[in-house]
Amino acid sequence: QVQLVESGGGSVQAGDSLRLSCAASGRTFTGDTMAWFRQASGKEREFVVSITWGGSTNYEDSVKGRFTISRDNAKNTVYLQMNSLKPEDTAVYYCAVRSPKFAALSEVTTYDYWGQGTQVTVSS
């Protein structure tokens, strides 16, 4: 079965950095878009950033200039480098994958597979 496993979360101070990883397995992911979403306590899941098979990226405004997504297609792995972390970045971060489709990359419901999530906590 398809499995997405996130890692790299933790508890840090404001201004610190973290690098998240998500390893996907169980099927071919050729052509798929990979993305990161996050869900803060008591809030709905929200889009953070996506990256297409070809490397095109789309960032939510609040993380532009601070977060960087990348992927290694040979390893079916996506990364999220998070710099200058802020308390408002605190959330469970989820890796997601979707097959090629003509739909908004930020739409939660369009993604086919999800990881279990990794907690990121940023203290002021």
Protein backbone atom coordinates (compact mmCIF):
# COMPACT_ATOMS: atom_id res chain seq x y z
CA GLN A 1 0.00 0.00 0.00
CA VAL A 2 0.98 3.62 -0.42
CA GLN A 3 2.81 5.10 2.50
CA LEU A 4 4.12 8.60 3.15
CA VAL A 5 6.36 9.00 6.17
CA GLU A 6 7.29 12.43 7.47
CA SER A 7 10.25 13.13 9.69
CA GLY A 8 12.25 16.04 11.01
CA GLY A 9 9.72 17.80 13.19
CA GLY A 10 10.54 19.03 16.65
CA SER A 11 10.39 21.83 19.16
CA VAL A 12 12.47 24.92 18.45
CA GLN A 13 12.75 28.58 19.33
CA ALA A 14 11.59 31.41 17.12
CA GLY A 15 14.18 32.15 14.48
CA ASP A 16 15.46 28.59 14.36
CA SER A 17 15.36 26.21 11.42
CA LEU A 18 14.06 22.73 10.74
CA ARG A 19 14.18 20.46 7.74
CA LEU A 20 11.29 18.10 7.16
CA SER A 21 11.45 15.04 4.96
CA CYS A 22 8.71 12.91 3.45
CA ALA A 23 9.47 9.55 1.90
CA ALA A 24 6.77 8.05 -0.31
CA SER A 25 6.50 4.39 -1.23
CA GLY A 26 4.08 1.75 -2.47
CA ARG A 27 3.46 2.90 -6.03
CA THR A 28 4.95 4.92 -8.82
CA PHE A 29 4.85 8.65 -8.29
CA THR A 30 5.93 9.63 -11.77
CA GLY A 31 4.39 12.96 -12.72
CA ASP A 32 2.87 13.55 -9.29
CA THR A 33 2.76 16.80 -7.39
CA MET A 34 3.96 16.73 -3.81
CA ALA A 35 3.02 19.26 -1.19
CA TRP A 36 3.12 20.23 2.44
CA PHE A 37 0.08 21.21 4.44
CA ARG A 38 -0.17 22.09 8.09
CA GLN A 39 -2.85 22.03 10.72
CA ALA A 40 -2.65 24.05 13.90
CA SER A 41 -4.56 22.99 16.97
CA GLY A 42 -8.21 23.86 16.60
CA LYS A 43 -7.84 25.02 13.00
CA GLU A 44 -8.41 23.54 9.58
CA ARG A 45 -5.67 22.06 7.46
CA GLU A 46 -4.04 24.67 5.28
CA PHE A 47 -1.75 24.73 2.29
CA VAL A 48 1.91 25.56 2.80
CA VAL A 49 3.75 24.78 -0.43
CA SER A 50 3.71 22.45 -3.41
CA ILE A 51 6.19 21.25 -5.99
CA THR A 52 5.37 19.63 -9.30
CA TRP A 53 7.21 16.78 -10.96
CA GLY A 54 9.06 19.33 -13.05
CA GLY A 55 10.04 21.44 -10.06
CA SER A 56 7.58 24.33 -10.23
CA THR A 57 6.76 25.64 -6.77
CA ASN A 58 3.90 27.49 -5.17
CA TYR A 59 4.16 28.97 -1.67
CA GLU A 60 1.59 30.29 0.72
CA ASP A 61 2.32 33.97 1.27
CA SER A 62 3.26 33.72 4.94
CA VAL A 63 6.15 31.32 4.26
CA LYS A 64 7.63 32.93 1.16
CA GLY A 65 11.27 33.75 1.69
CA ARG A 66 11.47 31.49 4.73
CA PHE A 67 10.52 28.01 3.53
CA THR A 68 11.96 26.10 0.60
CA ILE A 69 10.54 22.93 -0.88
CA SER A 70 12.57 20.48 -2.92
CA ARG A 71 12.22 16.91 -4.15
CA ASP A 72 14.31 13.96 -5.16
CA ASN A 73 12.28 12.05 -7.70
CA ALA A 74 14.65 9.09 -7.70
CA LYS A 75 13.98 8.64 -3.99
CA ASN A 76 10.30 9.66 -4.07
CA THR A 77 11.14 12.12 -1.33
CA VAL A 78 10.14 15.70 -0.73
CA TYR A 79 11.80 18.10 1.69
CA LEU A 80 10.81 21.30 3.41
CA GLN A 81 13.55 23.57 4.67
CA MET A 82 12.04 25.94 7.21
CA ASN A 83 14.06 28.97 8.27
CA SER A 84 13.23 31.90 10.52
CA LEU A 85 10.48 29.94 12.18
CA LYS A 86 7.75 31.84 13.96
CA PRO A 87 5.33 30.77 16.69
CA GLU A 88 2.52 30.94 14.15
CA ASP A 89 4.24 28.16 12.20
CA THR A 90 3.40 25.78 15.02
CA ALA A 91 1.32 22.94 13.60
CA VAL A 92 1.31 19.35 12.53
CA TYR A 93 2.88 19.27 9.09
CA TYR A 94 1.55 16.80 6.56
CA CYS A 95 3.08 15.56 3.36
CA ALA A 96 0.65 14.95 0.51
CA VAL A 97 0.78 13.63 -3.05
CA ARG A 98 -1.60 13.86 -5.98
CA SER A 99 -1.59 12.56 -9.50
CA PRO A 100 -1.51 15.06 -12.35
CA LYS A 101 -4.72 17.05 -12.55
CA PHE A 102 -5.85 20.48 -13.58
CA ALA A 103 -6.90 21.87 -10.22
CA ALA A 104 -5.68 24.37 -7.66
CA LEU A 105 -2.52 23.08 -6.02
CA SER A 106 -3.60 24.50 -2.70
CA GLU A 107 -6.85 22.55 -2.52
CA VAL A 108 -6.73 19.96 0.25
CA THR A 109 -9.38 17.74 -1.32
CA THR A 110 -7.42 17.19 -4.54
CA TYR A 111 -4.60 15.24 -2.91
CA ASP A 112 -4.68 11.47 -3.08
CA TYR A 113 -2.31 10.36 -0.33
CA TRP A 114 -1.31 11.77 3.02
CA GLY A 115 1.31 11.13 5.63
CA GLN A 116 0.63 10.82 9.33
CA GLY A 117 2.11 14.21 10.08
CA THR A 118 5.02 15.51 12.09
CA GLN A 119 4.73 18.07 14.86
CA VAL A 120 6.53 21.39 14.60
CA THR A 121 6.44 23.59 17.67
CA VAL A 122 7.97 27.05 17.70
CA SER A 123 8.32 28.91 20.99
CA SER A 124 8.80 32.65 21.27
